[in-house]
Amino acid sequence: SLENTLDLDLIERLKKKAQEMEAEGFEGKGLGNKHLDRVLKISLHLADKLEKKGIKVNKEVVGIASVLHDIGLSKSINKPGGEDVVKDYLTSEEIRSAKIAEELLRKEKVREDIIREVLKCIQSHEGNKEAETIEAKIIYDADALDKMGALGIIRHTWKLANLGLPTEKIAGTLVKHIKERESKLYLKESKKIAKKLNKMLDRFDQLLKKQLSLEYLNEE
């Protein structure tokens, strides 16, 4: 199995550190978030599918990047303030996460070539720049897949509410945001999964608009 090729002790240590730091984000409200656990499992699933097709994947890079991709989150988003903050934090989070991850991996004496590849994954996981490697594509897709469908609606609403956006603004961008993430997926397997997860989005959007406009009051 893929896990057997990873240094599981290292992954666990890094994940614990990242979860501790992530809990500081949103004034401590991120405590207990299992996003990193899910991204790790999704990433390994995607890597497995690619390997079965004969595509070589560096699982060490994938495993480390999965648990460190959001490590700069707490330093980027403690100040609510609306849409500009949302836009700014996406870029600043990638930069900060890469910087913190680099320091952490050097302390752990991880090989320089692995560090370099992990940083490429982290720097493109929000989609602000093109993923250069197969490992970076896996991390982008795995992170995005955890934000699709019903869970995606909850996660994005929670994030935007904590950044200070009102209900109507959130409702206006919610489904559009998830569909945009879906349209940017790299891998065939990811697109197949996203299609299943997002099947309910159009119906959800329709009901949401109806409720906000009170249109349902005119229905028999």
C-alpha atoms as a PDB file:
ATOM      1  CA  SER A   1       0.000   0.000   0.000  1.00  0.00           C
ATOM      2  CA  LEU A   2       1.033   3.615  -0.467  1.00  0.00           C
ATOM      3  CA  GLU A   3       1.315   4.277   3.250  1.00  0.00           C
ATOM      4  CA  ASN A   4       4.129   1.723   3.496  1.00  0.00           C
ATOM      5  CA  THR A   5       6.360   3.915   1.318  1.00  0.00           C
ATOM      6  CA  LEU A   6       5.943   6.922   3.630  1.00  0.00           C
ATOM      7  CA  ASP A   7       7.737   7.827   6.835  1.00  0.00           C
ATOM      8  CA  LEU A   8       4.537   7.623   8.885  1.00  0.00           C
ATOM      9  CA  ASP A   9       6.177   8.959  12.056  1.00  0.00           C
ATOM     10  CA  LEU A  10       7.349  12.071  10.199  1.00  0.00           C
ATOM     11  CA  ILE A  11       3.909  12.566   8.590  1.00  0.00           C
ATOM     12  CA  GLU A  12       2.225  12.221  11.997  1.00  0.00           C
ATOM     13  CA  ARG A  13       4.597  14.718  13.642  1.00  0.00           C
ATOM     14  CA  LEU A  14       4.147  17.246  10.836  1.00  0.00           C
ATOM     15  CA  LYS A  15       0.376  16.794  10.826  1.00  0.00           C
ATOM     16  CA  LYS A  16       0.169  17.331  14.589  1.00  0.00           C
ATOM     17  CA  LYS A  17       2.237  20.527  14.332  1.00  0.00           C
ATOM     18  CA  ALA A  18       0.120  21.781  11.406  1.00  0.00           C
ATOM     19  CA  GLN A  19      -3.127  21.037  13.258  1.00  0.00           C
ATOM     20  CA  GLU A  20      -1.882  22.895  16.338  1.00  0.00           C
ATOM     21  CA  MET A  21      -1.019  25.918  14.203  1.00  0.00           C
ATOM     22  CA  GLU A  22      -4.231  25.709  12.178  1.00  0.00           C
ATOM     23  CA  ALA A  23      -6.251  25.747  15.416  1.00  0.00           C
ATOM     24  CA  GLU A  24      -4.901  29.281  16.014  1.00  0.00           C
ATOM     25  CA  GLY A  25      -6.651  30.456  12.824  1.00  0.00           C
ATOM     26  CA  PHE A  26     -10.091  32.057  13.143  1.00  0.00           C
ATOM     27  CA  GLU A  27      -9.269  32.846  16.799  1.00  0.00           C
ATOM     28  CA  GLY A  28      -9.077  29.181  17.769  1.00  0.00           C
ATOM     29  CA  LYS A  29     -12.296  28.138  16.018  1.00  0.00           C
ATOM     30  CA  GLY A  30     -10.338  25.810  13.701  1.00  0.00           C
ATOM     31  CA  LEU A  31      -9.657  23.384  16.566  1.00  0.00           C
ATOM     32  CA  GLY A  32     -10.530  19.769  15.748  1.00  0.00           C
ATOM     33  CA  ASN A  33     -10.710  20.318  11.979  1.00  0.00           C
ATOM     34  CA  LYS A  34     -10.009  16.996  10.185  1.00  0.00           C
ATOM     35  CA  HIS A  35      -9.302  18.615   6.784  1.00  0.00           C
ATOM     36  CA  LEU A  36      -5.637  17.521   6.766  1.00  0.00           C
ATOM     37  CA  ASP A  37      -6.543  13.895   7.506  1.00  0.00           C
ATOM     38  CA  ARG A  38      -9.010  13.878   4.618  1.00  0.00           C
ATOM     39  CA  VAL A  39      -6.622  15.603   2.185  1.00  0.00           C
ATOM     40  CA  LEU A  40      -3.916  13.056   3.023  1.00  0.00           C
ATOM     41  CA  LYS A  41      -6.278  10.148   2.289  1.00  0.00           C
ATOM     42  CA  ILE A  42      -7.638  11.726  -0.906  1.00  0.00           C
ATOM     43  CA  SER A  43      -4.081  12.491  -2.109  1.00  0.00           C
ATOM     44  CA  LEU A  44      -2.952   8.918  -1.550  1.00  0.00           C
ATOM     45  CA  HIS A  45      -6.052   7.631  -3.340  1.00  0.00           C
ATOM     46  CA  LEU A  46      -5.276   9.829  -6.374  1.00  0.00           C
ATOM     47  CA  ALA A  47      -1.592   8.814  -6.311  1.00  0.00           C
ATOM     48  CA  ASP A  48      -2.636   5.151  -6.237  1.00  0.00           C
ATOM     49  CA  LYS A  49      -4.908   5.607  -9.269  1.00  0.00           C
ATOM     50  CA  LEU A  50      -2.096   7.314 -11.213  1.00  0.00           C
ATOM     51  CA  GLU A  51       0.429   4.627 -10.304  1.00  0.00           C
ATOM     52  CA  LYS A  52      -1.928   1.945 -11.601  1.00  0.00           C
ATOM     53  CA  LYS A  53      -1.841   3.794 -14.933  1.00  0.00           C
ATOM     54  CA  GLY A  54       1.964   3.695 -14.887  1.00  0.00           C
ATOM     55  CA  ILE A  55       2.443   7.334 -13.861  1.00  0.00           C
ATOM     56  CA  LYS A  56       5.277   7.769 -11.347  1.00  0.00           C
ATOM     57  CA  VAL A  57       4.402   9.731  -8.213  1.00  0.00           C
ATOM     58  CA  ASN A  58       6.701  10.709  -5.342  1.00  0.00           C
ATOM     59  CA  LYS A  59       4.521   9.661  -2.409  1.00  0.00           C
ATOM     60  CA  GLU A  60       6.873  11.172   0.162  1.00  0.00           C
ATOM     61  CA  VAL A  61       6.287  14.602  -1.403  1.00  0.00           C
ATOM     62  CA  VAL A  62       2.523  13.979  -1.620  1.00  0.00           C
ATOM     63  CA  GLY A  63       2.284  12.837   2.007  1.00  0.00           C
ATOM     64  CA  ILE A  64       4.270  15.750   3.424  1.00  0.00           C
ATOM     65  CA  ALA A  65       2.566  18.392   1.267  1.00  0.00           C
ATOM     66  CA  SER A  66      -0.879  17.008   2.201  1.00  0.00           C
ATOM     67  CA  VAL A  67      -0.356  17.729   5.882  1.00  0.00           C
ATOM     68  CA  LEU A  68       1.556  21.021   5.497  1.00  0.00           C
ATOM     69  CA  HIS A  69      -0.344  22.792   2.702  1.00  0.00           C
ATOM     70  CA  ASP A  70      -2.369  24.982   5.123  1.00  0.00           C
ATOM     71  CA  ILE A  71       0.231  25.504   7.852  1.00  0.00           C
ATOM     72  CA  GLY A  72       0.373  29.282   7.251  1.00  0.00           C
ATOM     73  CA  LEU A  73      -3.402  29.677   7.493  1.00  0.00           C
ATOM     74  CA  SER A  74      -3.465  30.912  11.094  1.00  0.00           C
ATOM     75  CA  LYS A  75      -0.990  33.689  10.262  1.00  0.00           C
ATOM     76  CA  SER A  76      -3.064  34.885   7.292  1.00  0.00           C
ATOM     77  CA  ILE A  77      -6.664  35.169   8.419  1.00  0.00           C
ATOM     78  CA  ASN A  78      -7.131  36.348  11.955  1.00  0.00           C
ATOM     79  CA  LYS A  79      -8.555  39.690  10.852  1.00  0.00           C
ATOM     80  CA  PRO A  80     -12.148  39.657   9.522  1.00  0.00           C
ATOM     81  CA  GLY A  81     -12.899  42.317   6.945  1.00  0.00           C
ATOM     82  CA  GLY A  82     -14.825  41.172   3.890  1.00  0.00           C
ATOM     83  CA  GLU A  83     -14.001  40.360   0.297  1.00  0.00           C
ATOM     84  CA  ASP A  84     -10.527  41.946   0.054  1.00  0.00           C
ATOM     85  CA  VAL A  85      -9.388  39.831   2.967  1.00  0.00           C
ATOM     86  CA  VAL A  86     -10.697  36.697   1.222  1.00  0.00           C
ATOM     87  CA  LYS A  87      -8.709  37.582  -1.914  1.00  0.00           C
ATOM     88  CA  ASP A  88      -5.566  38.563  -0.014  1.00  0.00           C
ATOM     89  CA  TYR A  89      -5.458  35.593   2.289  1.00  0.00           C
ATOM     90  CA  LEU A  90      -5.477  33.070  -0.585  1.00  0.00           C
ATOM     91  CA  THR A  91      -2.171  34.453  -1.854  1.00  0.00           C
ATOM     92  CA  SER A  92      -0.624  35.218   1.536  1.00  0.00           C
ATOM     93  CA  GLU A  93      -1.565  31.770   2.872  1.00  0.00           C
ATOM     94  CA  GLU A  94       0.363  29.965   0.133  1.00  0.00           C
ATOM     95  CA  ILE A  95       3.437  32.168   0.679  1.00  0.00           C
ATOM     96  CA  ARG A  96       3.333  31.849   4.460  1.00  0.00           C
ATOM     97  CA  SER A  97       2.621  28.117   4.387  1.00  0.00           C
ATOM     98  CA  ALA A  98       5.597  27.516   2.080  1.00  0.00           C
ATOM     99  CA  LYS A  99       7.898  29.564   4.326  1.00  0.00           C
ATOM    100  CA  ILE A 100       6.813  27.844   7.560  1.00  0.00           C
ATOM    101  CA  ALA A 101       6.904  24.398   5.906  1.00  0.00           C
ATOM    102  CA  GLU A 102      10.440  25.012   4.641  1.00  0.00           C
ATOM    103  CA  GLU A 103      11.696  25.902   8.146  1.00  0.00           C
ATOM    104  CA  LEU A 104       9.910  22.929   9.687  1.00  0.00           C
ATOM    105  CA  LEU A 105      11.243  20.432   7.131  1.00  0.00           C
ATOM    106  CA  ARG A 106      14.811  21.699   7.535  1.00  0.00           C
ATOM    107  CA  LYS A 107      14.517  21.154  11.294  1.00  0.00           C
ATOM    108  CA  GLU A 108      13.343  17.608  10.546  1.00  0.00           C
ATOM    109  CA  LYS A 109      16.408  17.175   8.277  1.00  0.00           C
ATOM    110  CA  VAL A 110      14.282  16.270   5.257  1.00  0.00           C
ATOM    111  CA  ARG A 111      16.284  16.047   2.004  1.00  0.00           C
ATOM    112  CA  GLU A 112      16.544  19.306   0.042  1.00  0.00           C
ATOM    113  CA  ASP A 113      15.116  17.818  -3.170  1.00  0.00           C
ATOM    114  CA  ILE A 114      12.012  16.637  -1.262  1.00  0.00           C
ATOM    115  CA  ILE A 115      11.625  20.058   0.395  1.00  0.00           C
ATOM    116  CA  ARG A 116      11.839  21.766  -3.003  1.00  0.00           C
ATOM    117  CA  GLU A 117       9.064  19.565  -4.450  1.00  0.00           C
ATOM    118  CA  VAL A 118       6.852  19.957  -1.362  1.00  0.00           C
ATOM    119  CA  LEU A 119       7.117  23.747  -1.639  1.00  0.00           C
ATOM    120  CA  LYS A 120       5.976  23.598  -5.286  1.00  0.00           C
ATOM    121  CA  CYS A 121       2.845  21.762  -4.114  1.00  0.00           C
ATOM    122  CA  ILE A 122       2.112  24.261  -1.342  1.00  0.00           C
ATOM    123  CA  GLN A 123       2.706  27.312  -3.561  1.00  0.00           C
ATOM    124  CA  SER A 124       0.039  26.243  -6.063  1.00  0.00           C
ATOM    125  CA  HIS A 125      -2.579  24.558  -3.852  1.00  0.00           C
ATOM    126  CA  GLU A 126      -5.010  27.510  -3.948  1.00  0.00           C
ATOM    127  CA  GLY A 127      -4.804  27.782  -7.740  1.00  0.00           C
ATOM    128  CA  ASN A 128      -3.141  31.203  -7.821  1.00  0.00           C
ATOM    129  CA  LYS A 129      -0.425  29.675  -9.985  1.00  0.00           C
ATOM    130  CA  GLU A 130      -0.348  26.617 -12.237  1.00  0.00           C
ATOM    131  CA  ALA A 131       0.665  23.328 -10.605  1.00  0.00           C
ATOM    132  CA  GLU A 132       4.018  22.382 -12.180  1.00  0.00           C
ATOM    133  CA  THR A 133       4.342  18.746 -11.111  1.00  0.00           C
ATOM    134  CA  ILE A 134       2.130  15.667 -10.838  1.00  0.00           C
ATOM    135  CA  GLU A 135       2.474  15.883  -7.037  1.00  0.00           C
ATOM    136  CA  ALA A 136       1.328  19.540  -7.054  1.00  0.00           C
ATOM    137  CA  LYS A 137      -1.669  18.582  -9.205  1.00  0.00           C
ATOM    138  CA  ILE A 138      -2.586  15.857  -6.722  1.00  0.00           C
ATOM    139  CA  ILE A 139      -2.413  18.291  -3.771  1.00  0.00           C
ATOM    140  CA  TYR A 140      -4.462  20.945  -5.570  1.00  0.00           C
ATOM    141  CA  ASP A 141      -7.117  18.391  -6.521  1.00  0.00           C
ATOM    142  CA  ALA A 142      -7.247  16.660  -3.119  1.00  0.00           C
ATOM    143  CA  ASP A 143      -7.615  19.998  -1.302  1.00  0.00           C
ATOM    144  CA  ALA A 144     -10.325  21.104  -3.759  1.00  0.00           C
ATOM    145  CA  LEU A 145     -12.211  17.784  -3.527  1.00  0.00           C
ATOM    146  CA  ASP A 146     -12.511  18.207   0.244  1.00  0.00           C
ATOM    147  CA  LYS A 147     -14.294  21.492  -0.522  1.00  0.00           C
ATOM    148  CA  MET A 148     -16.856  20.068  -2.963  1.00  0.00           C
ATOM    149  CA  GLY A 149     -20.483  19.035  -2.502  1.00  0.00           C
ATOM    150  CA  ALA A 150     -22.299  19.189   0.833  1.00  0.00           C
ATOM    151  CA  LEU A 151     -19.082  19.456   2.863  1.00  0.00           C
ATOM    152  CA  GLY A 152     -17.861  22.214   0.544  1.00  0.00           C
ATOM    153  CA  ILE A 153     -20.999  24.245   1.246  1.00  0.00           C
ATOM    154  CA  ILE A 154     -20.429  23.964   5.000  1.00  0.00           C
ATOM    155  CA  ARG A 155     -16.690  24.676   4.827  1.00  0.00           C
ATOM    156  CA  HIS A 156     -16.924  27.694   2.514  1.00  0.00           C
ATOM    157  CA  THR A 157     -19.852  29.216   4.432  1.00  0.00           C
ATOM    158  CA  TRP A 158     -17.977  28.800   7.714  1.00  0.00           C
ATOM    159  CA  LYS A 159     -14.809  30.345   6.293  1.00  0.00           C
ATOM    160  CA  LEU A 160     -16.513  33.371   4.716  1.00  0.00           C
ATOM    161  CA  ALA A 161     -18.697  33.999   7.785  1.00  0.00           C
ATOM    162  CA  ASN A 162     -15.565  34.041   9.943  1.00  0.00           C
ATOM    163  CA  LEU A 163     -13.951  36.486   7.524  1.00  0.00           C
ATOM    164  CA  GLY A 164     -16.832  38.883   8.113  1.00  0.00           C
ATOM    165  CA  LEU A 165     -19.051  38.409   5.041  1.00  0.00           C
ATOM    166  CA  PRO A 166     -22.843  38.687   5.532  1.00  0.00           C
ATOM    167  CA  THR A 167     -25.280  35.869   4.619  1.00  0.00           C
ATOM    168  CA  GLU A 168     -26.417  37.369   1.297  1.00  0.00           C
ATOM    169  CA  LYS A 169     -22.839  37.848   0.044  1.00  0.00           C
ATOM    170  CA  ILE A 170     -21.955  34.285   0.987  1.00  0.00           C
ATOM    171  CA  ALA A 171     -25.089  32.942  -0.713  1.00  0.00           C
ATOM    172  CA  GLY A 172     -24.248  34.879  -3.879  1.00  0.00           C
ATOM    173  CA  THR A 173     -20.798  33.314  -4.291  1.00  0.00           C
ATOM    174  CA  LEU A 174     -21.120  29.886  -2.687  1.00  0.00           C
ATOM    175  CA  VAL A 175     -22.092  27.572  -5.568  1.00  0.00           C
ATOM    176  CA  LYS A 176     -20.115  29.642  -8.084  1.00  0.00           C
ATOM    177  CA  HIS A 177     -16.960  29.231  -5.986  1.00  0.00           C
ATOM    178  CA  ILE A 178     -17.348  25.437  -5.699  1.00  0.00           C
ATOM    179  CA  LYS A 179     -18.013  25.080  -9.442  1.00  0.00           C
ATOM    180  CA  GLU A 180     -14.961  27.225 -10.252  1.00  0.00           C
ATOM    181  CA  ARG A 181     -12.805  24.927  -8.119  1.00  0.00           C
ATOM    182  CA  GLU A 182     -14.282  21.932  -9.934  1.00  0.00           C
ATOM    183  CA  SER A 183     -13.512  23.451 -13.353  1.00  0.00           C
ATOM    184  CA  LYS A 184      -9.831  23.846 -12.401  1.00  0.00           C
ATOM    185  CA  LEU A 185      -9.235  20.228 -11.351  1.00  0.00           C
ATOM    186  CA  TYR A 186      -6.298  18.612 -13.142  1.00  0.00           C
ATOM    187  CA  LEU A 187      -6.811  14.867 -12.955  1.00  0.00           C
ATOM    188  CA  LYS A 188      -9.402  12.664 -14.649  1.00  0.00           C
ATOM    189  CA  GLU A 189     -10.074  10.734 -11.425  1.00  0.00           C
ATOM    190  CA  SER A 190     -10.617  14.014  -9.519  1.00  0.00           C
ATOM    191  CA  LYS A 191     -13.140  15.225 -12.101  1.00  0.00           C
ATOM    192  CA  LYS A 192     -15.028  11.936 -11.810  1.00  0.00           C
ATOM    193  CA  ILE A 193     -15.211  12.256  -8.004  1.00  0.00           C
ATOM    194  CA  ALA A 194     -16.219  15.942  -8.162  1.00  0.00           C
ATOM    195  CA  LYS A 195     -19.070  15.177 -10.553  1.00  0.00           C
ATOM    196  CA  LYS A 196     -20.545  12.773  -7.993  1.00  0.00           C
ATOM    197  CA  LEU A 197     -20.034  15.151  -5.044  1.00  0.00           C
ATOM    198  CA  ASN A 198     -21.467  18.208  -6.817  1.00  0.00           C
ATOM    199  CA  LYS A 199     -24.545  16.545  -8.256  1.00  0.00           C
ATOM    200  CA  MET A 200     -26.750  18.351  -5.740  1.00  0.00           C
ATOM    201  CA  LEU A 201     -25.336  21.868  -6.220  1.00  0.00           C
ATOM    202  CA  ASP A 202     -27.760  23.192  -8.861  1.00  0.00           C
ATOM    203  CA  ARG A 203     -30.795  22.141  -6.844  1.00  0.00           C
ATOM    204  CA  PHE A 204     -29.267  23.666  -3.696  1.00  0.00           C
ATOM    205  CA  ASP A 205     -28.588  26.957  -5.530  1.00  0.00           C
ATOM    206  CA  GLN A 206     -32.136  27.047  -6.887  1.00  0.00           C
ATOM    207  CA  LEU A 207     -33.655  26.562  -3.407  1.00  0.00           C
ATOM    208  CA  LEU A 208     -31.264  29.091  -1.850  1.00  0.00           C
ATOM    209  CA  LYS A 209     -32.202  31.814  -4.367  1.00  0.00           C
ATOM    210  CA  LYS A 210     -35.895  31.058  -3.891  1.00  0.00           C
ATOM    211  CA  GLN A 211     -35.555  31.405  -0.134  1.00  0.00           C
ATOM    212  CA  LEU A 212     -33.560  34.652  -0.259  1.00  0.00           C
ATOM    213  CA  SER A 213     -36.036  36.251  -2.689  1.00  0.00           C
ATOM    214  CA  LEU A 214     -39.070  34.870  -0.759  1.00  0.00           C
ATOM    215  CA  GLU A 215     -40.319  33.538  -4.086  1.00  0.00           C
ATOM    216  CA  TYR A 216     -41.617  30.439  -2.302  1.00  0.00           C
ATOM    217  CA  LEU A 217     -44.336  32.562  -0.673  1.00  0.00           C
ATOM    218  CA  ASN A 218     -46.052  32.876  -4.063  1.00  0.00           C
ATOM    219  CA  GLU A 219     -46.106  29.137  -4.651  1.00  0.00           C
ATOM    220  CA  GLU A 220     -49.195  27.060  -4.074  1.00  0.00           C
END
